[in-house]
């Protein structure tokens, strides 16, 4: 289902369009597919309020899910 937000498939197609090898595309995109532990650690140790920490992590997780969704 198209939402207007780019997903992984869009970036795979773009990578192919500009001539990147499939393995390189996968390596690059895989680094964006999961929430790195460092992000959660940094947010939890930040000066943000507890509410802002939860909100920030929720937004990051939503964007990762949006990126990982299947299109078409």
PDB file of N, CA and C in Angstrom:
ATOM      1  N   UNK A   1       0.849  -1.186   0.000  1.00  0.00           N
ATOM      2  CA  UNK A   1       0.000   0.000   0.000  1.00  0.00           C
ATOM      3  C   UNK A   1       0.887   1.239   0.000  1.00  0.00           C
ATOM      4  N   UNK A   2       0.621   2.155  -0.872  1.00  0.00           N
ATOM      5  CA  UNK A   2       1.407   3.389  -0.991  1.00  0.00           C
ATOM      6  C   UNK A   2       0.935   4.401   0.035  1.00  0.00           C
ATOM      7  N   UNK A   3       1.882   4.991   0.742  1.00  0.00           N
ATOM      8  CA  UNK A   3       1.550   5.981   1.765  1.00  0.00           C
ATOM      9  C   UNK A   3       2.177   7.333   1.481  1.00  0.00           C
ATOM     10  N   UNK A   4       3.003   7.410   0.463  1.00  0.00           N
ATOM     11  CA  UNK A   4       3.711   8.653   0.192  1.00  0.00           C
ATOM     12  C   UNK A   4       5.060   8.708   0.882  1.00  0.00           C
ATOM     13  N   UNK A   5       5.331   7.734   1.757  1.00  0.00           N
ATOM     14  CA  UNK A   5       6.617   7.661   2.439  1.00  0.00           C
ATOM     15  C   UNK A   5       7.474   6.617   1.730  1.00  0.00           C
ATOM     16  N   UNK A   6       8.736   6.921   1.486  1.00  0.00           N
ATOM     17  CA  UNK A   6       9.581   5.922   0.835  1.00  0.00           C
ATOM     18  C   UNK A   6       9.815   4.725   1.753  1.00  0.00           C
ATOM     19  N   UNK A   7       9.896   3.553   1.163  1.00  0.00           N
ATOM     20  CA  UNK A   7      10.170   2.341   1.924  1.00  0.00           C
ATOM     21  C   UNK A   7      11.445   1.700   1.380  1.00  0.00           C
ATOM     22  N   UNK A   8      11.810   0.605   1.959  1.00  0.00           N
ATOM     23  CA  UNK A   8      13.049  -0.074   1.578  1.00  0.00           C
ATOM     24  C   UNK A   8      13.092  -0.378   0.076  1.00  0.00           C
ATOM     25  N   UNK A   9      11.988  -0.849  -0.464  1.00  0.00           N
ATOM     26  CA  UNK A   9      11.939  -1.194  -1.884  1.00  0.00           C
ATOM     27  C   UNK A   9      12.278   0.014  -2.761  1.00  0.00           C
ATOM     28  N   UNK A  10      11.801   1.192  -2.371  1.00  0.00           N
ATOM     29  CA  UNK A  10      12.111   2.405  -3.129  1.00  0.00           C
ATOM     30  C   UNK A  10      13.620   2.660  -3.151  1.00  0.00           C
ATOM     31  N   UNK A  11      14.273   2.470  -1.998  1.00  0.00           N
ATOM     32  CA  UNK A  11      15.715   2.695  -1.922  1.00  0.00           C
ATOM     33  C   UNK A  11      16.491   1.606  -2.660  1.00  0.00           C
ATOM     34  N   UNK A  12      15.968   0.363  -2.644  1.00  0.00           N
ATOM     35  CA  UNK A  12      16.612  -0.701  -3.415  1.00  0.00           C
ATOM     36  C   UNK A  12      16.580  -0.360  -4.902  1.00  0.00           C
ATOM     37  N   UNK A  13      15.438   0.080  -5.371  1.00  0.00           N
ATOM     38  CA  UNK A  13      15.312   0.453  -6.785  1.00  0.00           C
ATOM     39  C   UNK A  13      16.228   1.619  -7.137  1.00  0.00           C
ATOM     40  N   UNK A  14      16.305   2.600  -6.242  1.00  0.00           N
ATOM     41  CA  UNK A  14      17.182   3.742  -6.476  1.00  0.00           C
ATOM     42  C   UNK A  14      18.639   3.290  -6.554  1.00  0.00           C
ATOM     43  N   UNK A  15      19.040   2.431  -5.623  1.00  0.00           N
ATOM     44  CA  UNK A  15      20.410   1.924  -5.636  1.00  0.00           C
ATOM     45  C   UNK A  15      20.736   1.208  -6.932  1.00  0.00           C
ATOM     46  N   UNK A  16      19.792   0.400  -7.408  1.00  0.00           N
ATOM     47  CA  UNK A  16      19.993  -0.293  -8.681  1.00  0.00           C
ATOM     48  C   UNK A  16      20.073   0.711  -9.831  1.00  0.00           C
ATOM     49  N   UNK A  17      19.222   1.734  -9.761  1.00  0.00           N
ATOM     50  CA  UNK A  17      19.177   2.752 -10.815  1.00  0.00           C
ATOM     51  C   UNK A  17      20.507   3.498 -10.937  1.00  0.00           C
ATOM     52  N   UNK A  18      21.167   3.743  -9.821  1.00  0.00           N
ATOM     53  CA  UNK A  18      22.438   4.473  -9.874  1.00  0.00           C
ATOM     54  C   UNK A  18      23.635   3.538 -10.005  1.00  0.00           C
ATOM     55  N   UNK A  19      23.360   2.241 -10.173  1.00  0.00           N
ATOM     56  CA  UNK A  19      24.429   1.306 -10.495  1.00  0.00           C
ATOM     57  C   UNK A  19      25.116   0.629  -9.328  1.00  0.00           C
ATOM     58  N   UNK A  20      24.533   0.687  -8.141  1.00  0.00           N
ATOM     59  CA  UNK A  20      25.140  -0.015  -7.009  1.00  0.00           C
ATOM     60  C   UNK A  20      24.884  -1.510  -7.126  1.00  0.00           C
ATOM     61  N   UNK A  21      25.809  -2.291  -6.625  1.00  0.00           N
ATOM     62  CA  UNK A  21      25.636  -3.737  -6.617  1.00  0.00           C
ATOM     63  C   UNK A  21      24.643  -4.116  -5.526  1.00  0.00           C
ATOM     64  N   UNK A  22      23.907  -5.197  -5.781  1.00  0.00           N
ATOM     65  CA  UNK A  22      22.853  -5.644  -4.859  1.00  0.00           C
ATOM     66  C   UNK A  22      23.393  -5.834  -3.439  1.00  0.00           C
ATOM     67  N   UNK A  23      24.561  -6.438  -3.305  1.00  0.00           N
ATOM     68  CA  UNK A  23      25.140  -6.685  -1.980  1.00  0.00           C
ATOM     69  C   UNK A  23      25.408  -5.372  -1.244  1.00  0.00           C
ATOM     70  N   UNK A  24      25.895  -4.363  -1.956  1.00  0.00           N
ATOM     71  CA  UNK A  24      26.177  -3.056  -1.351  1.00  0.00           C
ATOM     72  C   UNK A  24      24.873  -2.395  -0.906  1.00  0.00           C
ATOM     73  N   UNK A  25      23.849  -2.489  -1.737  1.00  0.00           N
ATOM     74  CA  UNK A  25      22.540  -1.923  -1.397  1.00  0.00           C
ATOM     75  C   UNK A  25      22.020  -2.564  -0.121  1.00  0.00           C
ATOM     76  N   UNK A  26      22.075  -3.895  -0.060  1.00  0.00           N
ATOM     77  CA  UNK A  26      21.589  -4.620   1.119  1.00  0.00           C
ATOM     78  C   UNK A  26      22.356  -4.203   2.367  1.00  0.00           C
ATOM     79  N   UNK A  27      23.682  -4.091   2.255  1.00  0.00           N
ATOM     80  CA  UNK A  27      24.508  -3.730   3.401  1.00  0.00           C
ATOM     81  C   UNK A  27      24.135  -2.341   3.930  1.00  0.00           C
ATOM     82  N   UNK A  28      23.950  -1.414   3.023  1.00  0.00           N
ATOM     83  CA  UNK A  28      23.596  -0.048   3.418  1.00  0.00           C
ATOM     84  C   UNK A  28      22.218  -0.018   4.066  1.00  0.00           C
ATOM     85  N   UNK A  29      21.242  -0.650   3.427  1.00  0.00           N
ATOM     86  CA  UNK A  29      19.868  -0.586   3.925  1.00  0.00           C
ATOM     87  C   UNK A  29      19.676  -1.383   5.208  1.00  0.00           C
ATOM     88  N   UNK A  30      20.419  -2.471   5.371  1.00  0.00           N
ATOM     89  CA  UNK A  30      20.303  -3.257   6.599  1.00  0.00           C
ATOM     90  C   UNK A  30      20.673  -2.430   7.827  1.00  0.00           C
ATOM     91  N   UNK A  31      21.576  -1.476   7.656  1.00  0.00           N
ATOM     92  CA  UNK A  31      21.986  -0.654   8.797  1.00  0.00           C
ATOM     93  C   UNK A  31      20.863   0.271   9.272  1.00  0.00           C
ATOM     94  N   UNK A  32      19.833   0.449   8.453  1.00  0.00           N
ATOM     95  CA  UNK A  32      18.702   1.293   8.828  1.00  0.00           C
ATOM     96  C   UNK A  32      17.475   0.485   9.240  1.00  0.00           C
ATOM     97  N   UNK A  33      17.577  -0.830   9.217  1.00  0.00           N
ATOM     98  CA  UNK A  33      16.407  -1.680   9.431  1.00  0.00           C
ATOM     99  C   UNK A  33      16.076  -1.933  10.891  1.00  0.00           C
ATOM    100  N   UNK A  34      17.030  -1.740  11.768  1.00  0.00           N
ATOM    101  CA  UNK A  34      16.820  -2.020  13.186  1.00  0.00           C
ATOM    102  C   UNK A  34      17.190  -0.807  14.020  1.00  0.00           C
ATOM    103  N   UNK A  35      16.573  -0.720  15.200  1.00  0.00           N
ATOM    104  CA  UNK A  35      16.913   0.354  16.129  1.00  0.00           C
ATOM    105  C   UNK A  35      18.220  -0.021  16.820  1.00  0.00           C
ATOM    106  N   UNK A  36      19.273   0.705  16.543  1.00  0.00           N
ATOM    107  CA  UNK A  36      20.539   0.375  17.203  1.00  0.00           C
ATOM    108  C   UNK A  36      20.437   0.562  18.720  1.00  0.00           C
ATOM    109  N   UNK A  37      21.075  -0.334  19.449  1.00  0.00           N
ATOM    110  CA  UNK A  37      21.082  -0.232  20.907  1.00  0.00           C
ATOM    111  C   UNK A  37      21.644   1.112  21.351  1.00  0.00           C
ATOM    112  N   UNK A  38      22.583   1.648  20.575  1.00  0.00           N
ATOM    113  CA  UNK A  38      23.201   2.922  20.938  1.00  0.00           C
ATOM    114  C   UNK A  38      22.177   4.055  20.967  1.00  0.00           C
ATOM    115  N   UNK A  39      21.222   4.013  20.036  1.00  0.00           N
ATOM    116  CA  UNK A  39      20.198   5.063  19.988  1.00  0.00           C
ATOM    117  C   UNK A  39      19.372   5.027  21.262  1.00  0.00           C
ATOM    118  N   UNK A  40      18.926   3.841  21.625  1.00  0.00           N
ATOM    119  CA  UNK A  40      18.122   3.716  22.836  1.00  0.00           C
ATOM    120  C   UNK A  40      18.936   4.138  24.059  1.00  0.00           C
ATOM    121  N   UNK A  41      20.190   3.754  24.096  1.00  0.00           N
ATOM    122  CA  UNK A  41      21.060   4.119  25.218  1.00  0.00           C
ATOM    123  C   UNK A  41      21.233   5.642  25.295  1.00  0.00           C
ATOM    124  N   UNK A  42      21.503   6.267  24.157  1.00  0.00           N
ATOM    125  CA  UNK A  42      21.696   7.722  24.138  1.00  0.00           C
ATOM    126  C   UNK A  42      20.439   8.465  24.569  1.00  0.00           C
ATOM    127  N   UNK A  43      19.297   8.025  24.063  1.00  0.00           N
ATOM    128  CA  UNK A  43      18.041   8.688  24.416  1.00  0.00           C
ATOM    129  C   UNK A  43      17.758   8.513  25.903  1.00  0.00           C
ATOM    130  N   UNK A  44      17.923   7.305  26.398  1.00  0.00           N
ATOM    131  CA  UNK A  44      17.633   7.048  27.811  1.00  0.00           C
ATOM    132  C   UNK A  44      18.575   7.785  28.748  1.00  0.00           C
ATOM    133  N   UNK A  45      19.772   8.108  28.287  1.00  0.00           N
ATOM    134  CA  UNK A  45      20.733   8.835  29.118  1.00  0.00           C
ATOM    135  C   UNK A  45      20.775  10.328  28.806  1.00  0.00           C
ATOM    136  N   UNK A  46      19.830  10.786  28.024  1.00  0.00           N
ATOM    137  CA  UNK A  46      19.802  12.200  27.646  1.00  0.00           C
ATOM    138  C   UNK A  46      19.103  13.031  28.722  1.00  0.00           C
ATOM    139  N   UNK A  47      19.081  14.332  28.500  1.00  0.00           N
ATOM    140  CA  UNK A  47      18.411  15.247  29.420  1.00  0.00           C
ATOM    141  C   UNK A  47      16.945  15.463  29.062  1.00  0.00           C
ATOM    142  N   UNK A  48      16.431  14.689  28.131  1.00  0.00           N
ATOM    143  CA  UNK A  48      15.016  14.789  27.783  1.00  0.00           C
ATOM    144  C   UNK A  48      14.162  14.328  28.954  1.00  0.00           C
ATOM    145  N   UNK A  49      12.953  14.848  29.017  1.00  0.00           N
ATOM    146  CA  UNK A  49      12.021  14.356  30.036  1.00  0.00           C
ATOM    147  C   UNK A  49      11.646  12.921  29.690  1.00  0.00           C
ATOM    148  N   UNK A  50      11.110  12.202  30.656  1.00  0.00           N
ATOM    149  CA  UNK A  50      10.719  10.809  30.406  1.00  0.00           C
ATOM    150  C   UNK A  50       9.685  10.726  29.283  1.00  0.00           C
ATOM    151  N   UNK A  51       8.759  11.685  29.270  1.00  0.00           N
ATOM    152  CA  UNK A  51       7.744  11.701  28.220  1.00  0.00           C
ATOM    153  C   UNK A  51       8.389  11.915  26.850  1.00  0.00           C
ATOM    154  N   UNK A  52       9.336  12.845  26.771  1.00  0.00           N
ATOM    155  CA  UNK A  52      10.015  13.122  25.502  1.00  0.00           C
ATOM    156  C   UNK A  52      10.867  11.932  25.054  1.00  0.00           C
ATOM    157  N   UNK A  53      11.465  11.232  26.003  1.00  0.00           N
ATOM    158  CA  UNK A  53      12.242  10.035  25.660  1.00  0.00           C
ATOM    159  C   UNK A  53      11.340   8.990  25.016  1.00  0.00           C
ATOM    160  N   UNK A  54      10.193   8.745  25.633  1.00  0.00           N
ATOM    161  CA  UNK A  54       9.245   7.770  25.086  1.00  0.00           C
ATOM    162  C   UNK A  54       8.770   8.199  23.703  1.00  0.00           C
ATOM    163  N   UNK A  55       8.455   9.484  23.565  1.00  0.00           N
ATOM    164  CA  UNK A  55       7.981  10.009  22.287  1.00  0.00           C
ATOM    165  C   UNK A  55       9.058   9.875  21.213  1.00  0.00           C
ATOM    166  N   UNK A  56      10.268  10.242  21.543  1.00  0.00           N
ATOM    167  CA  UNK A  56      11.376  10.169  20.587  1.00  0.00           C
ATOM    168  C   UNK A  56      11.587   8.736  20.111  1.00  0.00           C
ATOM    169  N   UNK A  57      11.643   7.799  21.048  1.00  0.00           N
ATOM    170  CA  UNK A  57      11.847   6.394  20.681  1.00  0.00           C
ATOM    171  C   UNK A  57      10.675   5.855  19.870  1.00  0.00           C
ATOM    172  N   UNK A  58       9.463   6.270  20.211  1.00  0.00           N
ATOM    173  CA  UNK A  58       8.283   5.828  19.461  1.00  0.00           C
ATOM    174  C   UNK A  58       8.369   6.309  18.014  1.00  0.00           C
ATOM    175  N   UNK A  59       8.743   7.566  17.828  1.00  0.00           N
ATOM    176  CA  UNK A  59       8.848   8.129  16.476  1.00  0.00           C
ATOM    177  C   UNK A  59       9.922   7.400  15.671  1.00  0.00           C
ATOM    178  N   UNK A  60      11.068   7.153  16.286  1.00  0.00           N
ATOM    179  CA  UNK A  60      12.145   6.445  15.585  1.00  0.00           C
ATOM    180  C   UNK A  60      11.680   5.047  15.191  1.00  0.00           C
ATOM    181  N   UNK A  61      11.019   4.347  16.103  1.00  0.00           N
ATOM    182  CA  UNK A  61      10.535   2.993  15.811  1.00  0.00           C
ATOM    183  C   UNK A  61       9.479   3.011  14.706  1.00  0.00           C
ATOM    184  N   UNK A  62       8.596   4.003  14.714  1.00  0.00           N
ATOM    185  CA  UNK A  62       7.587   4.125  13.657  1.00  0.00           C
ATOM    186  C   UNK A  62       8.243   4.339  12.299  1.00  0.00           C
ATOM    187  N   UNK A  63       9.271   5.159  12.265  1.00  0.00           N
ATOM    188  CA  UNK A  63       9.957   5.430  10.996  1.00  0.00           C
ATOM    189  C   UNK A  63      10.696   4.194  10.487  1.00  0.00           C
ATOM    190  N   UNK A  64      11.256   3.425  11.402  1.00  0.00           N
ATOM    191  CA  UNK A  64      11.918   2.187  10.994  1.00  0.00           C
ATOM    192  C   UNK A  64      10.889   1.211  10.447  1.00  0.00           C
ATOM    193  N   UNK A  65       9.733   1.114  11.113  1.00  0.00           N
ATOM    194  CA  UNK A  65       8.667   0.235  10.617  1.00  0.00           C
ATOM    195  C   UNK A  65       8.191   0.690   9.243  1.00  0.00           C
ATOM    196  N   UNK A  66       8.052   1.986   9.070  1.00  0.00           N
ATOM    197  CA  UNK A  66       7.623   2.538   7.782  1.00  0.00           C
ATOM    198  C   UNK A  66       8.651   2.204   6.699  1.00  0.00           C
ATOM    199  N   UNK A  67       9.915   2.320   7.046  1.00  0.00           N
ATOM    200  CA  UNK A  67      10.991   1.999   6.109  1.00  0.00           C
ATOM    201  C   UNK A  67      10.949   0.523   5.723  1.00  0.00           C
ATOM    202  N   UNK A  68      10.681  -0.344   6.696  1.00  0.00           N
ATOM    203  CA  UNK A  68      10.705  -1.790   6.469  1.00  0.00           C
ATOM    204  C   UNK A  68       9.432  -2.342   5.841  1.00  0.00           C
ATOM    205  N   UNK A  69       8.385  -1.528   5.760  1.00  0.00           N
ATOM    206  CA  UNK A  69       7.118  -2.046   5.227  1.00  0.00           C
ATOM    207  C   UNK A  69       7.282  -2.478   3.785  1.00  0.00           C
ATOM    208  N   UNK A  70       6.417  -3.366   3.398  1.00  0.00           N
ATOM    209  CA  UNK A  70       6.441  -3.850   2.019  1.00  0.00           C
ATOM    210  C   UNK A  70       5.561  -2.943   1.175  1.00  0.00           C
ATOM    211  N   UNK A  71       6.043  -2.619   0.008  1.00  0.00           N
ATOM    212  CA  UNK A  71       5.290  -1.797  -0.926  1.00  0.00           C
ATOM    213  C   UNK A  71       4.926  -2.655  -2.120  1.00  0.00           C
ATOM    214  N   UNK A  72       3.811  -2.342  -2.728  1.00  0.00           N
ATOM    215  CA  UNK A  72       3.302  -3.007  -3.931  1.00  0.00           C
ATOM    216  C   UNK A  72       2.634  -4.260  -3.591  1.00  0.00           C
TER     217      UNK A  72
END
